[in-house]
Amino acid sequence: MSGAELGWELSTAIVLFHEAVARRLGLNAADHKALGFVTRNGPLPAGALATELGLGASAITALVDRLERAGYVRRVPDPGDRRRVLVSAVTGNVPDLGDIFADLGREMGDFMTKYDERELAVILDYVTNTIAVLKAQTARLASPDGP
């Protein structure tokens, strides 16, 4: 299998995994990833969430509306700027995905034990650089000046 084919398979497997997790929550993958971002980094302005996800204003409004209807987030006044609202996770309503991700972490940890420290360093370098490339490409595609 070529590197391009392997990358496509990995990308597809990751997207489908997150779609399956999202379906458990009654969401889609983008909503699920947004909820995770708000949970880890919020409360934050919708514009910051849009930038992180590479979405435009109308798309982020619709996404926040869906998360709000599902009871996972709420819009709260920004204490530093009364003209702005923040997107905040609803404490107690954020789904506990610990079991799902514990299983994933356990299985990933099990197979990672076959690699030595040097190999793990190469894997870490590869994954870190892959994330950087994907973020840059996402920003490029989301840009009005993008291809």
N, C-alpha and C. Protein backbone atom coordinates (compact mmCIF):
# COMPACT_ATOMS: atom_id res chain seq x y z
N MET A 1 0.86 -1.17 0.00
CA MET A 1 0.00 0.00 0.00
C MET A 1 0.91 1.24 0.00
N SER A 2 0.61 2.19 -0.86
CA SER A 2 1.41 3.41 -0.94
C SER A 2 1.13 4.32 0.25
N GLY A 3 2.03 5.30 0.45
CA GLY A 3 1.83 6.27 1.53
C GLY A 3 0.53 7.03 1.37
N ALA A 4 0.19 7.40 0.13
CA ALA A 4 -1.05 8.13 -0.13
C ALA A 4 -2.26 7.27 0.20
N GLU A 5 -2.20 6.01 -0.18
CA GLU A 5 -3.33 5.10 0.13
C GLU A 5 -3.46 4.88 1.63
N LEU A 6 -2.34 4.71 2.29
CA LEU A 6 -2.35 4.52 3.74
C LEU A 6 -2.89 5.77 4.44
N GLY A 7 -2.48 6.95 3.98
CA GLY A 7 -3.00 8.20 4.55
C GLY A 7 -4.49 8.32 4.36
N TRP A 8 -4.97 7.94 3.18
CA TRP A 8 -6.42 7.99 2.92
C TRP A 8 -7.15 7.03 3.85
N GLU A 9 -6.63 5.81 4.02
CA GLU A 9 -7.27 4.83 4.91
C GLU A 9 -7.31 5.34 6.35
N LEU A 10 -6.19 5.92 6.81
CA LEU A 10 -6.14 6.45 8.18
C LEU A 10 -7.13 7.58 8.35
N SER A 11 -7.13 8.51 7.41
CA SER A 11 -8.05 9.65 7.47
C SER A 11 -9.50 9.18 7.51
N THR A 12 -9.83 8.24 6.66
CA THR A 12 -11.20 7.72 6.61
C THR A 12 -11.58 7.04 7.92
N ALA A 13 -10.67 6.23 8.46
CA ALA A 13 -10.94 5.52 9.72
C ALA A 13 -11.18 6.52 10.86
N ILE A 14 -10.39 7.59 10.91
CA ILE A 14 -10.53 8.59 11.97
C ILE A 14 -11.87 9.31 11.84
N VAL A 15 -12.20 9.74 10.62
CA VAL A 15 -13.47 10.45 10.40
C VAL A 15 -14.65 9.54 10.75
N LEU A 16 -14.62 8.29 10.30
CA LEU A 16 -15.74 7.38 10.59
C LEU A 16 -15.86 7.06 12.07
N PHE A 17 -14.72 6.96 12.77
CA PHE A 17 -14.76 6.75 14.22
C PHE A 17 -15.47 7.93 14.89
N HIS A 18 -15.08 9.15 14.53
CA HIS A 18 -15.69 10.32 15.16
C HIS A 18 -17.15 10.50 14.74
N GLU A 19 -17.50 10.08 13.55
CA GLU A 19 -18.93 10.08 13.15
C GLU A 19 -19.70 9.11 14.03
N ALA A 20 -19.14 7.94 14.31
CA ALA A 20 -19.82 6.95 15.17
C ALA A 20 -19.99 7.49 16.58
N VAL A 21 -18.95 8.14 17.12
CA VAL A 21 -19.05 8.74 18.46
C VAL A 21 -20.13 9.82 18.44
N ALA A 22 -20.10 10.66 17.42
CA ALA A 22 -21.07 11.76 17.32
C ALA A 22 -22.50 11.24 17.23
N ARG A 23 -22.70 10.19 16.46
CA ARG A 23 -24.07 9.62 16.34
C ARG A 23 -24.59 9.18 17.69
N ARG A 24 -23.71 8.67 18.55
CA ARG A 24 -24.13 8.28 19.90
C ARG A 24 -24.69 9.46 20.67
N LEU A 25 -24.22 10.68 20.30
CA LEU A 25 -24.66 11.90 20.98
C LEU A 25 -25.78 12.61 20.24
N GLY A 26 -26.19 12.07 19.09
CA GLY A 26 -27.20 12.73 18.28
C GLY A 26 -26.63 13.90 17.51
N LEU A 27 -25.33 13.87 17.23
CA LEU A 27 -24.64 14.96 16.54
C LEU A 27 -23.96 14.43 15.28
N ASN A 28 -23.31 15.34 14.54
CA ASN A 28 -22.42 14.92 13.47
C ASN A 28 -20.99 15.13 13.96
N ALA A 29 -20.02 14.69 13.16
CA ALA A 29 -18.62 14.74 13.61
C ALA A 29 -18.15 16.16 13.88
N ALA A 30 -18.53 17.11 13.03
CA ALA A 30 -18.10 18.50 13.24
C ALA A 30 -18.66 19.05 14.55
N ASP A 31 -19.92 18.74 14.83
CA ASP A 31 -20.53 19.19 16.09
C ASP A 31 -19.81 18.56 17.28
N HIS A 32 -19.51 17.27 17.17
CA HIS A 32 -18.82 16.55 18.24
C HIS A 32 -17.44 17.16 18.50
N LYS A 33 -16.68 17.46 17.43
CA LYS A 33 -15.36 18.04 17.60
C LYS A 33 -15.47 19.45 18.18
N ALA A 34 -16.47 20.20 17.75
CA ALA A 34 -16.69 21.55 18.30
C ALA A 34 -17.01 21.47 19.78
N LEU A 35 -17.87 20.54 20.16
CA LEU A 35 -18.21 20.38 21.57
C LEU A 35 -16.97 20.05 22.39
N GLY A 36 -16.12 19.18 21.86
CA GLY A 36 -14.88 18.86 22.56
C GLY A 36 -14.00 20.08 22.73
N PHE A 37 -13.93 20.91 21.70
CA PHE A 37 -13.11 22.12 21.77
C PHE A 37 -13.66 23.10 22.80
N VAL A 38 -14.98 23.28 22.80
CA VAL A 38 -15.60 24.19 23.77
C VAL A 38 -15.41 23.65 25.19
N THR A 39 -15.54 22.35 25.35
CA THR A 39 -15.38 21.74 26.67
C THR A 39 -13.96 21.95 27.20
N ARG A 40 -12.97 21.79 26.34
CA ARG A 40 -11.57 21.94 26.76
C ARG A 40 -11.12 23.39 26.86
N ASN A 41 -11.66 24.28 26.02
CA ASN A 41 -11.12 25.64 25.91
C ASN A 41 -12.11 26.76 26.22
N GLY A 42 -13.36 26.42 26.45
CA GLY A 42 -14.38 27.45 26.61
C GLY A 42 -14.43 27.98 28.01
N PRO A 43 -15.32 28.93 28.23
CA PRO A 43 -16.16 29.58 27.23
C PRO A 43 -15.32 30.44 26.29
N LEU A 44 -15.80 30.53 25.04
CA LEU A 44 -15.08 31.30 24.04
C LEU A 44 -16.04 31.89 23.03
N PRO A 45 -15.62 32.98 22.38
CA PRO A 45 -16.48 33.58 21.36
C PRO A 45 -16.69 32.63 20.20
N ALA A 46 -17.84 32.71 19.57
CA ALA A 46 -18.13 31.86 18.42
C ALA A 46 -17.09 32.07 17.32
N GLY A 47 -16.59 33.29 17.18
CA GLY A 47 -15.58 33.56 16.17
C GLY A 47 -14.31 32.77 16.39
N ALA A 48 -13.90 32.59 17.64
CA ALA A 48 -12.71 31.79 17.95
C ALA A 48 -12.96 30.33 17.61
N LEU A 49 -14.17 29.85 17.89
CA LEU A 49 -14.52 28.48 17.53
C LEU A 49 -14.54 28.32 16.02
N ALA A 50 -15.07 29.30 15.31
CA ALA A 50 -15.10 29.26 13.85
C ALA A 50 -13.69 29.19 13.29
N THR A 51 -12.79 29.98 13.83
CA THR A 51 -11.40 29.98 13.37
C THR A 51 -10.76 28.62 13.61
N GLU A 52 -10.97 28.07 14.78
CA GLU A 52 -10.37 26.77 15.11
C GLU A 52 -10.88 25.68 14.18
N LEU A 53 -12.17 25.74 13.84
CA LEU A 53 -12.77 24.70 13.01
C LEU A 53 -12.72 25.01 11.51
N GLY A 54 -12.29 26.22 11.18
CA GLY A 54 -12.22 26.60 9.77
C GLY A 54 -13.59 26.81 9.15
N LEU A 55 -14.53 27.36 9.93
CA LEU A 55 -15.89 27.58 9.46
C LEU A 55 -16.19 29.06 9.35
N GLY A 56 -17.13 29.40 8.49
CA GLY A 56 -17.60 30.78 8.36
C GLY A 56 -18.63 31.11 9.42
N ALA A 57 -19.04 32.37 9.43
CA ALA A 57 -19.96 32.87 10.45
C ALA A 57 -21.31 32.14 10.42
N SER A 58 -21.90 31.96 9.25
CA SER A 58 -23.21 31.31 9.21
C SER A 58 -23.12 29.84 9.60
N ALA A 59 -22.04 29.18 9.19
CA ALA A 59 -21.88 27.76 9.55
C ALA A 59 -21.68 27.60 11.05
N ILE A 60 -20.90 28.49 11.67
CA ILE A 60 -20.67 28.36 13.11
C ILE A 60 -21.94 28.68 13.88
N THR A 61 -22.72 29.63 13.39
CA THR A 61 -24.00 29.95 14.04
C THR A 61 -24.91 28.72 14.03
N ALA A 62 -25.01 28.05 12.89
CA ALA A 62 -25.85 26.86 12.78
C ALA A 62 -25.32 25.75 13.69
N LEU A 63 -23.99 25.59 13.75
CA LEU A 63 -23.40 24.56 14.59
C LEU A 63 -23.71 24.84 16.06
N VAL A 64 -23.51 26.07 16.51
CA VAL A 64 -23.79 26.43 17.91
C VAL A 64 -25.27 26.26 18.19
N ASP A 65 -26.14 26.62 17.24
CA ASP A 65 -27.58 26.42 17.41
C ASP A 65 -27.89 24.93 17.66
N ARG A 66 -27.28 24.04 16.88
CA ARG A 66 -27.52 22.60 17.04
C ARG A 66 -27.04 22.12 18.41
N LEU A 67 -25.85 22.56 18.83
CA LEU A 67 -25.33 22.15 20.14
C LEU A 67 -26.19 22.70 21.27
N GLU A 68 -26.71 23.92 21.08
CA GLU A 68 -27.57 24.53 22.09
C GLU A 68 -28.90 23.77 22.17
N ARG A 69 -29.49 23.44 21.03
CA ARG A 69 -30.75 22.67 21.03
C ARG A 69 -30.57 21.31 21.68
N ALA A 70 -29.39 20.71 21.49
CA ALA A 70 -29.11 19.40 22.09
C ALA A 70 -28.83 19.51 23.59
N GLY A 71 -28.68 20.74 24.09
CA GLY A 71 -28.45 20.95 25.52
C GLY A 71 -27.00 20.87 25.94
N TYR A 72 -26.06 20.86 24.98
CA TYR A 72 -24.65 20.71 25.31
C TYR A 72 -23.94 22.04 25.56
N VAL A 73 -24.39 23.11 24.95
CA VAL A 73 -23.77 24.42 25.15
C VAL A 73 -24.85 25.46 25.35
N ARG A 74 -24.41 26.62 25.82
CA ARG A 74 -25.31 27.78 25.91
C ARG A 74 -24.50 29.01 25.57
N ARG A 75 -25.22 30.02 25.15
CA ARG A 75 -24.59 31.32 24.89
C ARG A 75 -24.70 32.14 26.17
N VAL A 76 -23.57 32.69 26.59
CA VAL A 76 -23.54 33.49 27.81
C VAL A 76 -22.91 34.85 27.50
N PRO A 77 -23.34 35.90 28.20
CA PRO A 77 -22.73 37.22 27.97
C PRO A 77 -21.24 37.20 28.30
N ASP A 78 -20.46 37.88 27.51
CA ASP A 78 -19.02 38.02 27.76
C ASP A 78 -18.85 39.07 28.85
N PRO A 79 -18.30 38.70 30.01
CA PRO A 79 -18.15 39.68 31.09
C PRO A 79 -17.20 40.82 30.72
N GLY A 80 -16.33 40.60 29.73
CA GLY A 80 -15.40 41.64 29.33
C GLY A 80 -15.90 42.55 28.23
N ASP A 81 -16.99 42.15 27.57
CA ASP A 81 -17.54 42.93 26.45
C ASP A 81 -19.01 42.60 26.32
N ARG A 82 -19.86 43.47 26.82
CA ARG A 82 -21.30 43.20 26.86
C ARG A 82 -21.92 43.03 25.47
N ARG A 83 -21.23 43.45 24.42
CA ARG A 83 -21.77 43.32 23.07
C ARG A 83 -21.56 41.92 22.49
N ARG A 84 -20.78 41.12 23.17
CA ARG A 84 -20.40 39.81 22.64
C ARG A 84 -20.90 38.70 23.54
N VAL A 85 -21.18 37.53 22.95
CA VAL A 85 -21.55 36.36 23.74
C VAL A 85 -20.47 35.30 23.59
N LEU A 86 -20.42 34.46 24.58
CA LEU A 86 -19.47 33.35 24.59
C LEU A 86 -20.24 32.04 24.49
N VAL A 87 -19.62 31.05 23.89
CA VAL A 87 -20.18 29.70 23.83
C VAL A 87 -19.57 28.93 24.99
N SER A 88 -20.44 28.39 25.84
CA SER A 88 -19.99 27.71 27.05
C SER A 88 -20.63 26.33 27.13
N ALA A 89 -19.85 25.33 27.52
CA ALA A 89 -20.40 23.98 27.72
C ALA A 89 -21.34 24.02 28.92
N VAL A 90 -22.44 23.30 28.84
CA VAL A 90 -23.39 23.22 29.94
C VAL A 90 -22.87 22.18 30.93
N THR A 91 -22.46 22.65 32.08
CA THR A 91 -21.93 21.77 33.11
C THR A 91 -22.97 20.70 33.45
N GLY A 92 -22.53 19.47 33.47
CA GLY A 92 -23.43 18.37 33.78
C GLY A 92 -24.11 17.78 32.56
N ASN A 93 -24.13 18.49 31.44
CA ASN A 93 -24.74 17.97 30.23
C ASN A 93 -23.72 17.50 29.21
N VAL A 94 -22.46 17.81 29.44
CA VAL A 94 -21.43 17.35 28.50
C VAL A 94 -21.34 15.84 28.65
N PRO A 95 -21.50 15.13 27.54
CA PRO A 95 -21.52 13.66 27.62
C PRO A 95 -20.19 13.10 28.10
N ASP A 96 -20.30 12.04 28.88
CA ASP A 96 -19.10 11.35 29.35
C ASP A 96 -18.73 10.29 28.32
N LEU A 97 -17.66 10.54 27.61
CA LEU A 97 -17.20 9.60 26.60
C LEU A 97 -16.00 8.81 27.10
N GLY A 98 -15.82 8.83 28.41
CA GLY A 98 -14.66 8.17 29.02
C GLY A 98 -14.52 6.71 28.63
N ASP A 99 -15.62 5.96 28.63
CA ASP A 99 -15.54 4.54 28.30
C ASP A 99 -15.09 4.33 26.86
N ILE A 100 -15.65 5.11 25.94
CA ILE A 100 -15.30 4.97 24.53
C ILE A 100 -13.81 5.27 24.34
N PHE A 101 -13.36 6.38 24.90
CA PHE A 101 -11.98 6.77 24.69
C PHE A 101 -11.02 5.96 25.56
N ALA A 102 -11.51 5.40 26.67
CA ALA A 102 -10.67 4.51 27.48
C ALA A 102 -10.37 3.25 26.68
N ASP A 103 -11.38 2.69 26.02
CA ASP A 103 -11.17 1.51 25.17
C ASP A 103 -10.18 1.82 24.06
N LEU A 104 -10.38 2.94 23.40
CA LEU A 104 -9.48 3.34 22.33
C LEU A 104 -8.06 3.50 22.86
N GLY A 105 -7.90 4.20 23.96
CA GLY A 105 -6.58 4.41 24.55
C GLY A 105 -5.92 3.10 24.95
N ARG A 106 -6.70 2.18 25.50
CA ARG A 106 -6.18 0.88 25.91
C ARG A 106 -5.67 0.10 24.70
N GLU A 107 -6.49 0.05 23.65
CA GLU A 107 -6.08 -0.68 22.45
C GLU A 107 -4.87 -0.03 21.78
N MET A 108 -4.85 1.29 21.73
CA MET A 108 -3.71 1.99 21.13
C MET A 108 -2.45 1.73 21.98
N GLY A 109 -2.60 1.79 23.29
CA GLY A 109 -1.47 1.53 24.19
C GLY A 109 -0.94 0.12 24.05
N ASP A 110 -1.86 -0.84 23.88
CA ASP A 110 -1.45 -2.24 23.72
C ASP A 110 -0.54 -2.43 22.50
N PHE A 111 -0.94 -1.89 21.37
CA PHE A 111 -0.11 -2.14 20.19
C PHE A 111 1.14 -1.25 20.16
N MET A 112 1.11 -0.12 20.87
CA MET A 112 2.29 0.76 20.89
C MET A 112 3.44 0.15 21.69
N THR A 113 3.16 -0.83 22.54
CA THR A 113 4.22 -1.46 23.33
C THR A 113 5.23 -2.21 22.47
N LYS A 114 4.88 -2.49 21.23
CA LYS A 114 5.82 -3.23 20.37
C LYS A 114 6.92 -2.33 19.79
N TYR A 115 6.83 -1.01 20.00
CA TYR A 115 7.81 -0.08 19.47
C TYR A 115 8.81 0.32 20.55
N ASP A 116 10.08 0.47 20.14
CA ASP A 116 11.09 0.93 21.09
C ASP A 116 11.08 2.46 21.14
N GLU A 117 11.91 3.04 22.01
CA GLU A 117 11.90 4.50 22.20
C GLU A 117 12.23 5.26 20.93
N ARG A 118 13.16 4.78 20.15
CA ARG A 118 13.53 5.44 18.90
C ARG A 118 12.37 5.42 17.92
N GLU A 119 11.72 4.29 17.81
CA GLU A 119 10.57 4.18 16.91
C GLU A 119 9.42 5.07 17.38
N LEU A 120 9.19 5.11 18.68
CA LEU A 120 8.14 5.97 19.22
C LEU A 120 8.44 7.45 18.95
N ALA A 121 9.71 7.82 19.01
CA ALA A 121 10.09 9.22 18.71
C ALA A 121 9.77 9.54 17.25
N VAL A 122 10.03 8.60 16.36
CA VAL A 122 9.71 8.81 14.94
C VAL A 122 8.20 8.92 14.74
N ILE A 123 7.45 8.06 15.40
CA ILE A 123 5.99 8.10 15.30
C ILE A 123 5.47 9.43 15.83
N LEU A 124 5.98 9.87 16.97
CA LEU A 124 5.57 11.16 17.55
C LEU A 124 5.88 12.30 16.60
N ASP A 125 7.07 12.28 16.00
CA ASP A 125 7.45 13.31 15.04
C ASP A 125 6.50 13.30 13.84
N TYR A 126 6.19 12.13 13.33
CA TYR A 126 5.31 12.01 12.17
C TYR A 126 3.91 12.55 12.49
N VAL A 127 3.35 12.12 13.62
CA VAL A 127 2.00 12.56 13.98
C VAL A 127 1.97 14.06 14.24
N THR A 128 2.96 14.59 14.94
CA THR A 128 3.01 16.02 15.22
C THR A 128 3.07 16.82 13.93
N ASN A 129 3.92 16.40 13.01
CA ASN A 129 4.05 17.11 11.73
C ASN A 129 2.81 16.94 10.86
N THR A 130 2.17 15.78 10.93
CA THR A 130 0.93 15.56 10.18
C THR A 130 -0.15 16.52 10.68
N ILE A 131 -0.27 16.68 11.97
CA ILE A 131 -1.25 17.61 12.54
C ILE A 131 -0.97 19.03 12.06
N ALA A 132 0.29 19.44 12.07
CA ALA A 132 0.65 20.79 11.62
C ALA A 132 0.29 20.99 10.15
N VAL A 133 0.59 20.01 9.32
CA VAL A 133 0.26 20.12 7.88
C VAL A 133 -1.25 20.18 7.69
N LEU A 134 -1.99 19.33 8.39
CA LEU A 134 -3.44 19.32 8.25
C LEU A 134 -4.06 20.64 8.71
N LYS A 135 -3.56 21.20 9.81
CA LYS A 135 -4.08 22.49 10.26
C LYS A 135 -3.79 23.59 9.25
N ALA A 136 -2.60 23.59 8.69
CA ALA A 136 -2.25 24.59 7.68
C ALA A 136 -3.11 24.43 6.44
N GLN A 137 -3.33 23.21 5.99
CA GLN A 137 -4.15 22.97 4.81
C GLN A 137 -5.62 23.32 5.06
N THR A 138 -6.10 23.06 6.27
CA THR A 138 -7.46 23.42 6.64
C THR A 138 -7.62 24.93 6.59
N ALA A 139 -6.66 25.65 7.15
CA ALA A 139 -6.71 27.11 7.12
C ALA A 139 -6.66 27.63 5.68
N ARG A 140 -5.82 27.03 4.87
CA ARG A 140 -5.71 27.44 3.47
C ARG A 140 -7.02 27.22 2.73
N LEU A 141 -7.65 26.07 2.95
CA LEU A 141 -8.92 25.77 2.27
C LEU A 141 -10.06 26.64 2.78
N ALA A 142 -10.02 27.01 4.05
CA ALA A 142 -11.07 27.82 4.64
C ALA A 142 -10.92 29.30 4.31
N SER A 143 -9.74 29.69 3.88
CA SER A 143 -9.48 31.09 3.56
C SER A 143 -10.23 31.53 2.31
N PRO A 144 -10.75 32.76 2.32
CA PRO A 144 -11.42 33.27 1.11
C PRO A 144 -10.48 33.31 -0.10
N ASP A 145 -9.18 33.40 0.15
CA ASP A 145 -8.18 33.43 -0.92
C ASP A 145 -7.67 32.03 -1.28
N GLY A 146 -8.23 30.99 -0.60
CA GLY A 146 -7.77 29.63 -0.84
C GLY A 146 -8.10 29.16 -2.24
N PRO A 147 -7.65 27.95 -2.54
CA PRO A 147 -7.81 27.43 -3.91
C PRO A 147 -9.26 27.27 -4.33
